[in-house]
């Protein structure tokens, strides 16, 4: 299972409607005490087009939501090689489709 599927399954959302991202943002905060903006989530899941890279905070928050200590731990658990400076979530998500 990969990043987008992990999030979708945990949240119980398809992430194909604007309201899904509001729900996900709320779920992430309730479970982690950390915030990720709705627009940031839309960018991560390619719901809106944007070439910006996700911040370390955002990636770590996603990993914590998924039950990992941080993003690097998540990547290792999924056998994904990466370095902080080269991780591009949009690239990962586009290759999942």
C-alpha atoms as a PDB file:
ATOM      1  CA  UNK A   1       0.000   0.000   0.000  1.00  0.00           C
ATOM      2  CA  UNK A   2       1.295   3.468  -0.784  1.00  0.00           C
ATOM      3  CA  UNK A   3       0.938   6.987   0.571  1.00  0.00           C
ATOM      4  CA  UNK A   4      -2.367   8.058  -0.977  1.00  0.00           C
ATOM      5  CA  UNK A   5      -3.985   4.697  -0.359  1.00  0.00           C
ATOM      6  CA  UNK A   6      -2.753   4.664   3.243  1.00  0.00           C
ATOM      7  CA  UNK A   7      -4.305   8.060   3.919  1.00  0.00           C
ATOM      8  CA  UNK A   8      -7.525   7.295   2.075  1.00  0.00           C
ATOM      9  CA  UNK A   9      -7.986   3.998   3.900  1.00  0.00           C
ATOM     10  CA  UNK A  10      -7.234   5.425   7.332  1.00  0.00           C
ATOM     11  CA  UNK A  11      -9.526   8.403   6.852  1.00  0.00           C
ATOM     12  CA  UNK A  12     -12.250   6.410   5.119  1.00  0.00           C
ATOM     13  CA  UNK A  13     -12.384   9.053   2.392  1.00  0.00           C
ATOM     14  CA  UNK A  14     -11.966   8.863  -1.370  1.00  0.00           C
ATOM     15  CA  UNK A  15     -10.368  12.317  -1.442  1.00  0.00           C
ATOM     16  CA  UNK A  16     -12.162  13.189  -4.638  1.00  0.00           C
ATOM     17  CA  UNK A  17     -14.385  15.989  -3.284  1.00  0.00           C
ATOM     18  CA  UNK A  18     -13.436  19.304  -1.713  1.00  0.00           C
ATOM     19  CA  UNK A  19     -15.249  18.355   1.491  1.00  0.00           C
ATOM     20  CA  UNK A  20     -13.080  15.265   1.895  1.00  0.00           C
ATOM     21  CA  UNK A  21     -10.044  17.479   2.443  1.00  0.00           C
ATOM     22  CA  UNK A  22     -11.825  19.456   5.148  1.00  0.00           C
ATOM     23  CA  UNK A  23     -12.658  16.179   6.881  1.00  0.00           C
ATOM     24  CA  UNK A  24      -9.107  14.908   6.516  1.00  0.00           C
ATOM     25  CA  UNK A  25      -7.654  18.130   7.912  1.00  0.00           C
ATOM     26  CA  UNK A  26      -9.949  17.812  10.922  1.00  0.00           C
ATOM     27  CA  UNK A  27      -9.119  14.121  11.405  1.00  0.00           C
ATOM     28  CA  UNK A  28      -5.385  14.807  11.266  1.00  0.00           C
ATOM     29  CA  UNK A  29      -5.705  17.524  13.916  1.00  0.00           C
ATOM     30  CA  UNK A  30      -7.876  15.374  16.200  1.00  0.00           C
ATOM     31  CA  UNK A  31      -5.437  12.468  16.059  1.00  0.00           C
ATOM     32  CA  UNK A  32      -2.116  14.303  16.062  1.00  0.00           C
ATOM     33  CA  UNK A  33      -2.721  17.761  17.505  1.00  0.00           C
ATOM     34  CA  UNK A  34      -0.986  19.097  14.393  1.00  0.00           C
ATOM     35  CA  UNK A  35      -2.568  21.069  11.587  1.00  0.00           C
ATOM     36  CA  UNK A  36      -2.355  20.708   7.836  1.00  0.00           C
ATOM     37  CA  UNK A  37      -4.285  23.242   5.805  1.00  0.00           C
ATOM     38  CA  UNK A  38      -7.035  22.169   3.451  1.00  0.00           C
ATOM     39  CA  UNK A  39      -5.278  23.724   0.461  1.00  0.00           C
ATOM     40  CA  UNK A  40      -2.053  21.924   1.363  1.00  0.00           C
ATOM     41  CA  UNK A  41      -3.899  18.620   1.416  1.00  0.00           C
ATOM     42  CA  UNK A  42      -5.512  19.385  -1.928  1.00  0.00           C
ATOM     43  CA  UNK A  43      -2.039  20.017  -3.388  1.00  0.00           C
ATOM     44  CA  UNK A  44      -0.666  16.789  -1.918  1.00  0.00           C
ATOM     45  CA  UNK A  45      -3.390  14.733  -3.526  1.00  0.00           C
ATOM     46  CA  UNK A  46      -3.204  16.608  -6.808  1.00  0.00           C
ATOM     47  CA  UNK A  47      -6.766  17.875  -6.388  1.00  0.00           C
ATOM     48  CA  UNK A  48      -5.403  21.287  -7.333  1.00  0.00           C
ATOM     49  CA  UNK A  49      -2.343  21.885  -9.490  1.00  0.00           C
ATOM     50  CA  UNK A  50       0.717  23.255  -7.745  1.00  0.00           C
ATOM     51  CA  UNK A  51       4.409  22.457  -8.176  1.00  0.00           C
ATOM     52  CA  UNK A  52       5.462  23.345  -4.630  1.00  0.00           C
ATOM     53  CA  UNK A  53       7.093  20.663  -2.522  1.00  0.00           C
ATOM     54  CA  UNK A  54       5.563  19.646   0.775  1.00  0.00           C
ATOM     55  CA  UNK A  55       7.319  20.941   3.883  1.00  0.00           C
ATOM     56  CA  UNK A  56       9.080  18.695   6.369  1.00  0.00           C
ATOM     57  CA  UNK A  57       6.360  19.578   8.906  1.00  0.00           C
ATOM     58  CA  UNK A  58       3.595  18.461   6.533  1.00  0.00           C
ATOM     59  CA  UNK A  59       5.312  15.197   5.656  1.00  0.00           C
ATOM     60  CA  UNK A  60       6.022  14.407   9.296  1.00  0.00           C
ATOM     61  CA  UNK A  61       2.424  15.212  10.215  1.00  0.00           C
ATOM     62  CA  UNK A  62       1.133  12.823   7.544  1.00  0.00           C
ATOM     63  CA  UNK A  63       3.470  10.115   8.824  1.00  0.00           C
ATOM     64  CA  UNK A  64       2.382  10.665  12.429  1.00  0.00           C
ATOM     65  CA  UNK A  65      -1.258  10.465  11.349  1.00  0.00           C
ATOM     66  CA  UNK A  66      -0.455   7.126   9.729  1.00  0.00           C
ATOM     67  CA  UNK A  67       1.124   5.855  12.952  1.00  0.00           C
ATOM     68  CA  UNK A  68       4.811   6.438  12.245  1.00  0.00           C
ATOM     69  CA  UNK A  69       7.310   8.572  14.170  1.00  0.00           C
ATOM     70  CA  UNK A  70       8.197  10.716  11.154  1.00  0.00           C
ATOM     71  CA  UNK A  71       8.313  10.783   7.356  1.00  0.00           C
ATOM     72  CA  UNK A  72      11.671   9.019   7.103  1.00  0.00           C
ATOM     73  CA  UNK A  73      10.354   6.143   9.231  1.00  0.00           C
ATOM     74  CA  UNK A  74       7.314   5.898   6.961  1.00  0.00           C
ATOM     75  CA  UNK A  75       9.503   5.810   3.843  1.00  0.00           C
ATOM     76  CA  UNK A  76      11.717   3.099   5.312  1.00  0.00           C
ATOM     77  CA  UNK A  77       8.694   1.018   6.313  1.00  0.00           C
ATOM     78  CA  UNK A  78       7.377   1.276   2.745  1.00  0.00           C
ATOM     79  CA  UNK A  79      10.827   0.641   1.221  1.00  0.00           C
ATOM     80  CA  UNK A  80      10.873   4.017  -0.508  1.00  0.00           C
ATOM     81  CA  UNK A  81      14.282   5.638  -0.932  1.00  0.00           C
ATOM     82  CA  UNK A  82      14.345   9.382  -0.503  1.00  0.00           C
ATOM     83  CA  UNK A  83      16.179  12.352   0.916  1.00  0.00           C
ATOM     84  CA  UNK A  84      14.469  15.427   2.392  1.00  0.00           C
ATOM     85  CA  UNK A  85      15.612  17.691  -0.396  1.00  0.00           C
ATOM     86  CA  UNK A  86      14.374  15.438  -3.170  1.00  0.00           C
ATOM     87  CA  UNK A  87      11.034  14.179  -1.886  1.00  0.00           C
ATOM     88  CA  UNK A  88       8.276  15.437  -4.144  1.00  0.00           C
ATOM     89  CA  UNK A  89       4.863  14.256  -3.047  1.00  0.00           C
ATOM     90  CA  UNK A  90       3.231  15.259  -6.303  1.00  0.00           C
ATOM     91  CA  UNK A  91       5.697  13.086  -8.182  1.00  0.00           C
ATOM     92  CA  UNK A  92       4.888  10.134  -5.931  1.00  0.00           C
ATOM     93  CA  UNK A  93       1.147  10.646  -6.261  1.00  0.00           C
ATOM     94  CA  UNK A  94       1.226  11.109 -10.033  1.00  0.00           C
ATOM     95  CA  UNK A  95       3.053   7.796 -10.373  1.00  0.00           C
ATOM     96  CA  UNK A  96       0.388   6.022  -8.349  1.00  0.00           C
ATOM     97  CA  UNK A  97      -2.326   6.780 -10.871  1.00  0.00           C
END
